Protein backbone atom coordinates (compact mmCIF):
# COMPACT_ATOMS: atom_id res chain seq x y z
CA MET A 1 -96.24 -55.59 117.28
CA SER A 2 -95.68 -59.07 118.71
CA GLU A 3 -94.17 -62.19 117.17
CA THR A 4 -95.79 -64.93 119.26
CA PHE A 5 -93.80 -67.74 117.62
CA LEU A 6 -90.51 -66.29 118.88
CA LYS A 7 -89.27 -66.15 122.43
CA PRO A 8 -88.92 -62.56 123.72
CA GLU A 9 -85.12 -62.78 123.70
CA ASP A 10 -85.12 -64.04 120.11
CA GLN A 11 -87.45 -61.24 119.01
CA MET A 12 -85.31 -58.68 120.81
CA MET A 13 -82.18 -60.08 119.16
CA GLN A 14 -83.78 -59.48 115.76
CA TRP A 15 -84.24 -55.81 116.59
CA ILE A 16 -80.74 -55.51 118.08
CA ILE A 17 -78.99 -56.91 115.01
CA SER A 18 -81.20 -55.15 112.46
CA LYS A 19 -78.16 -53.15 111.31
CA TRP A 20 -76.74 -56.41 109.95
CA ILE A 21 -79.54 -56.32 107.39
CA CYS A 22 -80.23 -52.65 106.71
CA LYS A 23 -76.57 -51.72 106.14
CA PRO A 24 -75.95 -54.39 103.47
CA ILE A 25 -79.20 -53.25 101.83
CA TYR A 26 -77.80 -49.72 101.76
CA VAL A 27 -74.52 -50.95 100.24
CA VAL A 28 -76.15 -52.72 97.30
CA ALA A 29 -78.54 -49.81 96.78
CA GLU A 30 -75.68 -47.31 96.76
CA LEU A 31 -73.69 -49.47 94.33
CA GLY A 32 -76.73 -49.96 92.09
CA ILE A 33 -76.43 -53.76 92.13
CA PRO A 34 -80.16 -54.40 91.52
CA ASP A 35 -80.05 -52.23 88.40
CA MET A 36 -77.00 -54.18 87.18
CA LEU A 37 -78.99 -57.42 87.42
CA SER A 38 -81.96 -56.11 85.39
CA ASP A 39 -80.87 -57.97 82.27
CA GLY A 40 -80.22 -61.27 84.02
CA PRO A 41 -77.98 -63.13 86.52
CA LYS A 42 -74.34 -62.19 86.87
CA SER A 43 -71.32 -63.56 88.68
CA VAL A 44 -69.90 -61.69 91.61
CA ASP A 45 -66.78 -60.97 89.52
CA GLU A 46 -68.94 -59.27 86.89
CA LEU A 47 -70.79 -57.28 89.53
CA ALA A 48 -67.54 -56.28 91.22
CA GLN A 49 -66.09 -55.08 87.92
CA MET A 50 -69.22 -53.07 87.13
CA SER A 51 -69.44 -51.55 90.64
CA LYS A 52 -65.66 -51.12 91.09
CA THR A 53 -65.65 -53.13 94.32
CA HIS A 54 -63.65 -55.95 95.94
CA ALA A 55 -65.22 -59.18 94.65
CA PRO A 56 -64.69 -61.38 97.75
CA SER A 57 -66.17 -58.69 100.02
CA LEU A 58 -69.09 -58.04 97.70
CA TYR A 59 -69.77 -61.78 97.61
CA ARG A 60 -70.17 -61.88 101.39
CA VAL A 61 -72.74 -59.09 101.25
CA MET A 62 -74.64 -60.74 98.40
CA ARG A 63 -74.61 -64.14 100.11
CA ALA A 64 -75.99 -62.63 103.32
CA LEU A 65 -78.81 -60.84 101.48
CA ALA A 66 -79.60 -63.92 99.40
CA SER A 67 -80.23 -65.79 102.65
CA LEU A 68 -83.02 -63.25 103.29
CA ASP A 69 -84.54 -63.63 99.79
CA ILE A 70 -83.00 -60.32 98.76
CA PHE A 71 -81.27 -61.71 95.65
CA SER A 72 -80.90 -65.40 94.92
CA GLN A 73 -77.75 -67.35 94.14
CA THR A 74 -78.10 -69.80 91.25
CA SER A 75 -76.61 -73.29 91.09
CA ASP A 76 -73.70 -71.97 89.00
CA GLY A 77 -72.88 -69.30 91.62
CA ARG A 78 -74.37 -66.27 89.88
CA PHE A 79 -76.77 -63.86 91.55
CA LYS A 80 -80.19 -62.85 90.25
CA LEU A 81 -83.02 -60.55 91.27
CA THR A 82 -85.88 -61.60 93.53
CA PRO A 83 -89.13 -59.66 94.09
CA MET A 84 -87.57 -57.94 97.10
CA ALA A 85 -84.41 -57.08 95.18
CA GLU A 86 -86.60 -55.54 92.47
CA CYS A 87 -87.75 -53.07 95.13
CA LEU A 88 -84.21 -51.69 95.36
CA LYS A 89 -83.97 -50.66 91.72
CA THR A 90 -83.84 -47.03 90.64
CA GLY A 91 -87.35 -45.61 90.50
CA ALA A 92 -88.57 -48.09 93.09
CA MET A 93 -87.34 -47.99 96.70
CA ARG A 94 -83.63 -47.40 96.05
CA SER A 95 -83.74 -43.73 97.04
CA ILE A 96 -85.56 -44.63 100.28
CA ALA A 97 -82.79 -47.05 101.25
CA LEU A 98 -80.18 -44.42 100.36
CA MET A 99 -81.89 -41.69 102.37
CA PHE A 100 -82.49 -43.66 105.55
CA HIS A 101 -78.99 -45.16 105.69
CA SER A 102 -76.74 -42.42 104.33
CA ASP A 103 -73.97 -41.13 106.54
CA TRP A 104 -75.71 -37.81 107.21
CA HIS A 105 -78.84 -39.61 108.37
CA ASP A 106 -76.90 -42.06 110.55
CA LYS A 107 -75.11 -39.21 112.29
CA ALA A 108 -78.41 -37.58 113.23
CA TRP A 109 -79.85 -40.81 114.61
CA GLY A 110 -76.61 -41.37 116.50
CA ASN A 111 -77.53 -38.32 118.57
CA LEU A 112 -80.98 -39.61 119.59
CA LEU A 113 -79.94 -40.22 123.21
CA GLN A 114 -78.80 -36.62 123.58
CA SER A 115 -82.07 -35.42 122.06
CA VAL A 116 -84.06 -37.52 124.51
CA ARG A 117 -82.10 -35.96 127.35
CA THR A 118 -82.41 -32.38 126.13
CA GLY A 119 -85.30 -32.16 123.63
CA GLU A 120 -82.91 -30.67 121.07
CA VAL A 121 -83.15 -31.60 117.38
CA ALA A 122 -80.58 -34.32 116.77
CA PHE A 123 -79.86 -33.30 113.17
CA ASP A 124 -79.24 -29.66 114.12
CA SER A 125 -76.88 -30.64 116.94
CA VAL A 126 -74.78 -32.93 114.76
CA HIS A 127 -74.70 -30.92 111.53
CA GLY A 128 -74.70 -27.45 113.06
CA MET A 129 -77.78 -26.22 111.17
CA PRO A 130 -81.37 -27.24 110.38
CA ILE A 131 -81.88 -29.75 107.61
CA VAL A 132 -83.40 -27.19 105.21
CA ALA A 133 -80.23 -25.07 105.36
CA TRP A 134 -78.04 -28.18 105.17
CA PHE A 135 -79.82 -29.34 102.02
CA GLU A 136 -79.02 -26.01 100.37
CA GLU A 137 -75.34 -26.87 100.82
CA ASN A 138 -75.81 -30.54 99.88
CA PRO A 139 -78.06 -30.62 96.79
CA GLU A 140 -77.44 -34.29 95.97
CA ALA A 141 -78.63 -35.36 99.42
CA ALA A 142 -81.64 -33.07 98.95
CA ARG A 143 -82.40 -34.68 95.58
CA VAL A 144 -82.37 -38.18 97.09
CA TYR A 145 -84.47 -37.00 100.02
CA ASN A 146 -87.12 -35.44 97.77
CA GLU A 147 -87.18 -38.47 95.48
CA ALA A 148 -87.54 -40.84 98.44
CA ASN A 149 -90.39 -38.84 99.92
CA ALA A 150 -92.16 -38.72 96.56
CA ILE A 151 -91.92 -42.49 96.22
CA LYS A 152 -93.12 -43.05 99.80
CA ALA A 153 -96.12 -40.83 99.14
CA MET A 154 -97.19 -42.57 95.94
CA THR A 155 -99.09 -45.33 97.74
CA SER A 156 -101.15 -42.79 99.66
CA HIS A 157 -102.26 -40.74 96.62
CA ARG A 158 -104.91 -43.15 95.39
CA ALA A 159 -106.06 -43.88 98.94
CA ILE A 160 -106.83 -40.19 99.44
CA ILE A 161 -108.77 -39.92 96.19
CA ASP A 162 -110.75 -43.04 97.10
CA VAL A 163 -112.09 -41.59 100.37
CA TYR A 164 -112.42 -37.83 99.86
CA ASP A 165 -115.05 -36.06 97.77
CA PHE A 166 -113.35 -33.21 95.90
CA SER A 167 -116.54 -32.13 94.09
CA GLY A 168 -117.36 -28.46 94.56
CA ILE A 169 -113.69 -27.45 94.57
CA ASP A 170 -112.89 -25.48 91.42
CA ILE A 171 -109.32 -24.49 92.32
CA LEU A 172 -107.16 -26.49 94.73
CA THR A 173 -103.71 -25.39 95.91
CA ASP A 174 -101.24 -28.01 97.14
CA ILE A 175 -98.97 -26.20 99.62
CA GLY A 176 -95.51 -27.74 99.67
CA GLY A 177 -96.71 -29.88 96.78
CA GLY A 178 -93.30 -31.32 95.92
CA ASN A 179 -93.01 -32.77 92.45
CA GLY A 180 -96.74 -32.36 91.80
CA ALA A 181 -97.56 -36.08 91.70
CA LEU A 182 -100.43 -35.84 94.19
CA MET A 183 -101.99 -32.88 92.39
CA ALA A 184 -101.71 -34.74 89.08
CA GLU A 185 -103.61 -37.70 90.54
CA ILE A 186 -106.32 -35.44 91.97
CA LEU A 187 -106.73 -33.54 88.69
CA ASN A 188 -106.97 -36.76 86.70
CA ALA A 189 -109.72 -37.97 89.02
CA ASN A 190 -111.53 -34.59 88.90
CA PRO A 191 -111.50 -33.41 85.25
CA LYS A 192 -113.23 -30.07 85.94
CA MET A 193 -110.84 -28.99 88.69
CA ARG A 194 -107.86 -26.69 88.28
CA GLY A 195 -104.80 -26.91 90.48
CA ILE A 196 -101.82 -24.98 91.82
CA VAL A 197 -98.66 -26.63 93.11
CA ALA A 198 -96.84 -24.24 95.46
CA ASP A 199 -93.34 -24.99 96.72
CA LEU A 200 -89.81 -23.66 96.96
CA PRO A 201 -88.18 -22.74 93.63
CA SER A 202 -85.71 -25.63 93.86
CA VAL A 203 -88.64 -28.07 94.09
CA ALA A 204 -91.07 -26.26 91.77
CA LYS A 205 -88.84 -26.93 88.77
CA GLY A 206 -89.48 -30.67 89.08
CA ALA A 207 -93.21 -30.08 89.51
CA LYS A 208 -93.35 -28.10 86.26
CA GLU A 209 -91.69 -30.98 84.43
CA LEU A 210 -94.08 -33.58 85.87
CA ILE A 211 -97.21 -31.50 85.22
CA GLN A 212 -96.13 -30.99 81.63
CA ALA A 213 -95.26 -34.66 81.22
CA ARG A 214 -98.77 -35.58 82.43
CA GLY A 215 -100.34 -33.13 79.95
CA LEU A 216 -101.92 -31.04 82.71
CA GLN A 217 -100.24 -27.68 82.09
CA ALA A 218 -103.52 -26.12 80.89
CA ARG A 219 -105.21 -26.95 84.20
CA CYS A 220 -102.36 -26.63 86.68
CA LYS A 221 -99.95 -23.83 87.56
CA VAL A 222 -96.75 -24.19 89.54
CA MET A 223 -95.85 -21.30 91.83
CA ASP A 224 -92.85 -20.48 93.99
CA CYS A 225 -93.86 -20.48 97.65
CA ASN A 226 -92.21 -20.40 101.07
CA PHE A 227 -95.06 -21.37 103.39
CA PHE A 228 -93.33 -19.74 106.34
CA LYS A 229 -93.67 -16.37 104.62
CA GLU A 230 -96.73 -16.26 102.37
CA ILE A 231 -99.18 -18.60 100.68
CA PRO A 232 -100.86 -17.69 97.36
CA ALA A 233 -104.46 -16.57 97.81
CA GLY A 234 -107.50 -17.14 95.60
CA SER A 235 -108.19 -20.88 95.74
CA ASP A 236 -111.38 -22.60 96.90
CA ALA A 237 -109.46 -25.11 99.01
CA TYR A 238 -105.93 -25.78 100.16
CA LEU A 239 -104.11 -29.03 100.78
CA MET A 240 -100.98 -29.98 102.72
CA SER A 241 -99.61 -33.52 102.52
CA HIS A 242 -97.01 -34.65 105.06
CA ILE A 243 -96.02 -31.07 105.86
CA LEU A 244 -97.07 -30.41 109.45
CA HIS A 245 -95.40 -33.55 110.83
CA ASP A 246 -92.02 -32.10 109.88
CA TRP A 247 -92.40 -29.18 112.29
CA ASN A 248 -92.98 -28.40 115.94
CA ASP A 249 -96.22 -26.74 117.07
CA GLU A 250 -94.84 -23.21 116.84
CA HIS A 251 -93.73 -23.63 113.23
CA CYS A 252 -97.00 -25.39 112.36
CA GLN A 253 -98.99 -22.46 113.68
CA THR A 254 -96.95 -20.10 111.48
CA ILE A 255 -97.78 -22.23 108.44
CA LEU A 256 -101.46 -22.55 109.38
CA LYS A 257 -101.85 -18.84 110.09
CA ASN A 258 -100.38 -18.07 106.67
CA CYS A 259 -102.96 -20.46 105.22
CA HIS A 260 -105.65 -18.62 107.16
CA LYS A 261 -104.57 -15.28 105.65
CA ALA A 262 -104.76 -16.70 102.13
CA MET A 263 -108.20 -18.28 102.56
CA ILE A 264 -111.74 -16.93 102.74
CA PRO A 265 -114.19 -17.84 105.54
CA GLY A 266 -115.78 -21.24 105.01
CA SER A 267 -113.08 -22.55 102.68
CA LYS A 268 -111.49 -25.92 103.35
CA LEU A 269 -107.99 -26.90 104.39
CA LEU A 270 -107.13 -30.57 103.84
CA VAL A 271 -104.29 -31.86 106.00
CA LEU A 272 -103.01 -35.28 104.95
CA GLU A 273 -101.13 -36.85 107.84
CA ALA A 274 -101.00 -39.92 110.05
CA VAL A 275 -103.27 -39.71 113.09
CA ILE A 276 -102.01 -41.59 116.14
CA PRO A 277 -104.77 -43.32 118.12
CA PRO A 278 -104.56 -44.23 121.83
CA GLY A 279 -103.39 -47.69 122.88
CA ASN A 280 -100.47 -50.03 122.19
CA GLU A 281 -101.34 -51.07 118.63
CA PHE A 282 -98.37 -51.12 116.29
CA LEU A 283 -98.49 -48.35 113.71
CA ILE A 284 -95.61 -47.29 111.48
CA SER A 285 -96.46 -43.69 112.35
CA LYS A 286 -95.31 -44.30 115.94
CA LEU A 287 -91.84 -45.06 114.57
CA LEU A 288 -92.05 -42.31 111.95
CA ASP A 289 -92.65 -39.98 114.89
CA LEU A 290 -89.08 -40.68 116.02
CA GLU A 291 -87.74 -40.07 112.50
CA VAL A 292 -89.28 -36.61 112.24
CA PHE A 293 -88.17 -35.84 115.81
CA VAL A 294 -84.55 -36.73 114.99
CA ILE A 295 -84.39 -35.02 111.59
CA GLY A 296 -86.33 -31.82 112.10
CA GLY A 297 -87.92 -31.68 115.54
CA GLY A 298 -91.34 -32.52 114.13
CA ARG A 299 -93.91 -34.99 115.42
CA GLU A 300 -96.79 -37.24 114.47
CA ARG A 301 -99.99 -36.16 116.23
CA THR A 302 -103.25 -37.40 117.68
CA GLU A 303 -106.59 -36.11 116.44
CA GLY A 304 -106.84 -33.94 119.55
CA GLU A 305 -103.46 -32.40 118.85
CA PHE A 306 -104.49 -31.60 115.28
CA ARG A 307 -107.70 -30.05 116.60
CA ASP A 308 -105.71 -27.84 118.98
CA LEU A 309 -103.34 -26.73 116.19
CA LEU A 310 -106.20 -25.87 113.85
CA GLU A 311 -108.24 -24.02 116.47
CA ALA A 312 -105.19 -21.98 117.55
CA SER A 313 -104.80 -20.86 113.92
CA GLY A 314 -108.41 -19.90 113.13
CA PHE A 315 -109.79 -23.21 111.83
CA LYS A 316 -112.38 -25.71 113.00
CA LEU A 317 -111.69 -29.42 112.58
CA SER A 318 -114.78 -30.61 110.72
CA GLN A 319 -113.96 -34.25 110.07
CA THR A 320 -111.17 -36.82 110.03
CA ILE A 321 -111.38 -39.46 107.31
CA PRO A 322 -109.10 -42.51 107.57
CA THR A 323 -107.74 -44.20 104.45
CA LYS A 324 -106.60 -47.76 103.80
CA GLU A 325 -103.03 -46.50 104.10
CA SER A 326 -101.38 -45.04 107.21
CA ILE A 327 -102.72 -41.51 106.71
CA SER A 328 -106.01 -39.67 107.17
CA VAL A 329 -107.64 -36.64 105.59
CA ILE A 330 -108.07 -34.02 108.32
CA GLU A 331 -110.52 -31.41 107.07
CA GLY A 332 -110.43 -27.95 108.61
CA ILE A 333 -112.84 -25.10 107.91
CA ARG A 334 -111.48 -21.56 107.87
CA LEU A 335 -113.40 -19.48 110.42
């Protein structure tokens, strides 16, 4: 990704000082400032009182962000929302800002150099346990993490439905289906299909609520599932969205082999992931690759690497369908 109108040193300086922007964004997201401005402009004294902060210090943060079109300061000194500030409201991108810049996340990224030297998972080294176990002890962080991932995935749901033909699938199981939002979209687009959302009990509760809220409870079941142990059998096709990139090849093969056991020959496995092409083109997935490396030891993969994973687990890669978003539908056939 090149910025031809900037000198190399100026472009590099932007990357070096990026913390000067992302950390103030985290502060206002954590304080809920965008939500406080939903009903109109407010003075910094009002915002400080509502957020229980030091008004002069909060002003400096707000002024800095207003210079980037994140908030706007009016002629009478009050602050108001801008389109970018709207993105930081609850239900929009607030949870994403909180997840990526929380203390626990910063500590993991702070160990990137050691991970590059050793290949060890940065999160595990800093926190003394894998992230799944850590989330069990830190449920609020887990809630924000799950909410952020659900919001990030929303843009890809329609893109998947636009490019993949689900006809001929009577029952589809979404393995690690999270809050069920993707399954709900697929079922709405395919009225004759039935669905199963399979995930850990702590996540499945939210899926049940969403499926019921969407009026799909007659066509969709929610089941408890640990994909490292067993996957429910009996469906025509299985789907995994943004699952394999969280894990190294060994763990992925465990998941895929469990899928293989649950499936019948000729049935389809749909893997929804970014596919990294050769070359120097900028893709967000090349940076996301570092995120999953730091947090869980996972990786983004090339098409060849997906083919190798599938073949090692009893599948044949039949086709890879790109979408208008940053992910593709990788279709495997169970041999």
